[in-house]
Amino acid sequence: MQGRFRANIEVLAQHDVNYSVVGGVGAVIQGCPITTFDLEIVHLRSDENVRRLLGALDELGAVYGFQPERRLRPTVEALAGTGHHLLQTVHGPLDVLGEIGSGHGYDELIGQSESFLAGESLTVNVLNLDWLIRTKEEAGAPKDIAVLELLREVRRQRGSG
């Protein structure tokens, strides 16, 4: 895993944030040969976890990426919702998502996630291959459609699709 992604994950782990990695980094971890530029996570939206997430984001200097010069920071209220927060941290882009696909949140996705080693002693939950494919199909955005065949090929090579 690239250093900048790992650095964000390490801070999330230090703050004991509950989340699952989805999107491009999830695809790469699953063995898909793509390039990705941001870490996407779906987080547990409980009050306690959102407070821990906000602490991690503060440490990471996270601001909304659409106008970084304004230094707009996420709030507890915003992170408790289902929306997408496209943030820029000191280690690069971090997309904090309340839901993905057709309304799939953390409570549903964590049961469809696998643990992977992201360093010597750091494990990370990653959405499994079948659910990465499913959520990308549901999203239907051009960037999601573009990676679908590669994800399906990885699944075929594993003999599970």
Protein backbone atom coordinates (compact mmCIF):
# COMPACT_ATOMS: atom_id res chain seq x y z
CA MET A 1 0.00 0.00 0.00
CA GLN A 2 1.33 3.42 -0.94
CA GLY A 3 2.83 5.46 1.87
CA ARG A 4 0.35 8.32 1.64
CA PHE A 5 -2.61 5.95 1.90
CA ARG A 6 -0.95 4.11 4.77
CA ALA A 7 -0.24 7.41 6.58
CA ASN A 8 -3.95 8.31 6.54
CA ILE A 9 -4.86 4.78 7.65
CA GLU A 10 -2.36 4.93 10.51
CA VAL A 11 -3.95 8.12 11.86
CA LEU A 12 -7.44 6.62 11.54
CA ALA A 13 -6.18 3.58 13.47
CA GLN A 14 -4.59 5.73 16.19
CA HIS A 15 -8.01 7.33 16.71
CA ASP A 16 -9.75 3.92 16.70
CA VAL A 17 -12.07 4.89 13.82
CA ASN A 18 -14.39 2.17 12.50
CA TYR A 19 -14.49 2.14 8.68
CA SER A 20 -14.04 -0.02 5.61
CA VAL A 21 -11.84 0.84 2.62
CA VAL A 22 -13.79 0.93 -0.64
CA GLY A 23 -13.15 2.27 -4.14
CA GLY A 24 -9.82 2.25 -5.95
CA VAL A 25 -7.59 1.45 -2.99
CA GLY A 26 -9.93 -1.40 -2.09
CA ALA A 27 -9.65 -2.66 -5.66
CA VAL A 28 -5.83 -2.44 -5.60
CA ILE A 29 -5.67 -4.31 -2.29
CA GLN A 30 -7.90 -6.99 -3.87
CA GLY A 31 -5.34 -7.34 -6.69
CA CYS A 32 -6.83 -5.13 -9.40
CA PRO A 33 -4.12 -3.47 -11.53
CA ILE A 34 -5.39 0.12 -11.51
CA THR A 35 -4.05 3.49 -10.51
CA THR A 36 -5.93 5.47 -7.90
CA PHE A 37 -5.31 8.84 -6.35
CA ASP A 38 -7.53 8.90 -3.28
CA LEU A 39 -8.38 6.74 -0.32
CA GLU A 40 -12.13 6.15 -0.01
CA ILE A 41 -13.69 4.93 3.20
CA VAL A 42 -17.20 4.29 4.47
CA HIS A 43 -17.35 5.01 8.19
CA LEU A 44 -19.61 3.99 11.04
CA ARG A 45 -21.86 6.99 11.63
CA SER A 46 -22.41 6.50 15.37
CA ASP A 47 -21.90 9.59 17.55
CA GLU A 48 -18.78 8.16 19.19
CA ASN A 49 -17.16 7.01 15.95
CA VAL A 50 -17.89 10.32 14.21
CA ARG A 51 -16.17 12.15 17.09
CA ARG A 52 -13.13 9.87 16.76
CA LEU A 53 -13.15 10.37 12.98
CA LEU A 54 -13.30 14.14 13.40
CA GLY A 55 -10.29 13.94 15.75
CA ALA A 56 -8.36 11.97 13.13
CA LEU A 57 -9.35 14.43 10.41
CA ASP A 58 -8.22 17.35 12.58
CA GLU A 59 -4.84 15.67 13.06
CA LEU A 60 -4.63 15.09 9.30
CA GLY A 61 -5.42 18.76 8.59
CA ALA A 62 -8.38 17.62 6.46
CA VAL A 63 -10.22 20.30 4.50
CA TYR A 64 -12.75 20.05 1.70
CA GLY A 65 -10.91 19.71 -1.59
CA PHE A 66 -13.22 21.77 -3.78
CA GLN A 67 -11.89 25.05 -2.35
CA PRO A 68 -8.89 24.12 -0.16
CA GLU A 69 -7.83 27.75 0.19
CA ARG A 70 -10.99 28.40 2.24
CA ARG A 71 -9.87 25.72 4.75
CA LEU A 72 -13.42 24.41 5.25
CA ARG A 73 -13.39 21.50 7.70
CA PRO A 74 -15.99 18.76 8.14
CA THR A 75 -18.30 18.93 11.14
CA VAL A 76 -19.83 16.28 13.38
CA GLU A 77 -23.24 17.00 11.86
CA ALA A 78 -21.97 16.60 8.30
CA LEU A 79 -20.07 13.37 9.02
CA ALA A 80 -23.13 11.86 10.72
CA GLY A 81 -25.03 12.03 7.42
CA THR A 82 -25.00 9.83 4.34
CA GLY A 83 -23.11 12.26 2.09
CA HIS A 84 -19.69 12.23 0.51
CA HIS A 85 -16.88 14.33 1.95
CA LEU A 86 -14.07 14.78 -0.56
CA LEU A 87 -11.22 15.92 1.64
CA GLN A 88 -7.59 16.87 1.20
CA THR A 89 -5.23 15.85 4.02
CA VAL A 90 -1.54 16.45 4.62
CA HIS A 91 -1.06 12.97 3.11
CA GLY A 92 -3.32 13.39 0.08
CA PRO A 93 -6.98 12.95 -0.84
CA LEU A 94 -9.31 11.13 1.55
CA ASP A 95 -12.94 10.59 0.60
CA VAL A 96 -15.11 9.98 3.66
CA LEU A 97 -18.38 8.47 2.53
CA GLY A 98 -21.55 7.92 4.53
CA GLU A 99 -22.94 5.48 1.96
CA ILE A 100 -21.99 4.02 -1.42
CA GLY A 101 -23.82 2.35 -4.28
CA SER A 102 -27.56 2.13 -3.66
CA GLY A 103 -27.43 3.35 -0.08
CA HIS A 104 -25.03 0.85 1.48
CA GLY A 105 -23.62 2.12 4.77
CA TYR A 106 -20.99 0.83 7.16
CA ASP A 107 -23.33 -1.47 9.09
CA GLU A 108 -24.08 -3.42 5.92
CA LEU A 109 -20.63 -3.18 4.32
CA ILE A 110 -18.54 -4.28 7.31
CA GLY A 111 -20.11 -7.73 7.01
CA GLN A 112 -18.90 -7.80 3.40
CA SER A 113 -15.35 -6.71 4.24
CA GLU A 114 -12.12 -8.64 4.77
CA SER A 115 -9.15 -7.77 6.96
CA PHE A 116 -5.83 -7.12 5.24
CA LEU A 117 -2.41 -6.33 6.66
CA ALA A 118 -1.46 -2.73 5.82
CA GLY A 119 1.89 -2.74 7.57
CA GLU A 120 3.73 -4.82 10.12
CA SER A 121 0.97 -4.62 12.70
CA LEU A 122 -1.79 -2.58 11.08
CA THR A 123 -4.87 -4.31 9.72
CA VAL A 124 -7.53 -2.63 7.64
CA ASN A 125 -11.04 -3.69 6.65
CA VAL A 126 -11.52 -3.71 2.88
CA LEU A 127 -14.78 -4.27 1.03
CA ASN A 128 -14.64 -7.70 -0.63
CA LEU A 129 -14.32 -8.10 -4.38
CA ASP A 130 -17.94 -9.09 -5.05
CA TRP A 131 -19.22 -6.06 -3.16
CA LEU A 132 -16.71 -3.72 -4.81
CA ILE A 133 -18.13 -4.87 -8.14
CA ARG A 134 -21.71 -4.56 -6.91
CA THR A 135 -21.31 -1.02 -5.57
CA LYS A 136 -19.49 0.15 -8.69
CA GLU A 137 -22.27 -1.30 -10.87
CA GLU A 138 -24.85 0.49 -8.73
CA ALA A 139 -22.96 3.80 -8.81
CA GLY A 140 -22.68 3.66 -12.59
CA ALA A 141 -20.35 6.66 -12.90
CA PRO A 142 -17.90 6.56 -15.84
CA LYS A 143 -14.90 6.04 -13.51
CA ASP A 144 -16.72 3.13 -11.84
CA ILE A 145 -17.73 1.52 -15.12
CA ALA A 146 -14.15 1.86 -16.43
CA VAL A 147 -12.75 -0.39 -13.69
CA LEU A 148 -15.52 -3.00 -13.65
CA GLU A 149 -14.02 -5.31 -16.27
CA LEU A 150 -10.68 -5.35 -14.44
CA LEU A 151 -12.42 -6.23 -11.17
CA ARG A 152 -14.39 -8.97 -12.90
CA GLU A 153 -11.19 -10.36 -14.41
CA VAL A 154 -9.55 -10.52 -10.97
CA ARG A 155 -12.61 -12.39 -9.72
CA ARG A 156 -12.43 -14.82 -12.69
CA GLN A 157 -8.73 -15.46 -12.01
CA ARG A 158 -9.57 -16.29 -8.42
CA GLY A 159 -12.17 -18.74 -9.70
CA SER A 160 -15.04 -17.06 -7.92
CA GLY A 161 -17.00 -15.56 -10.77
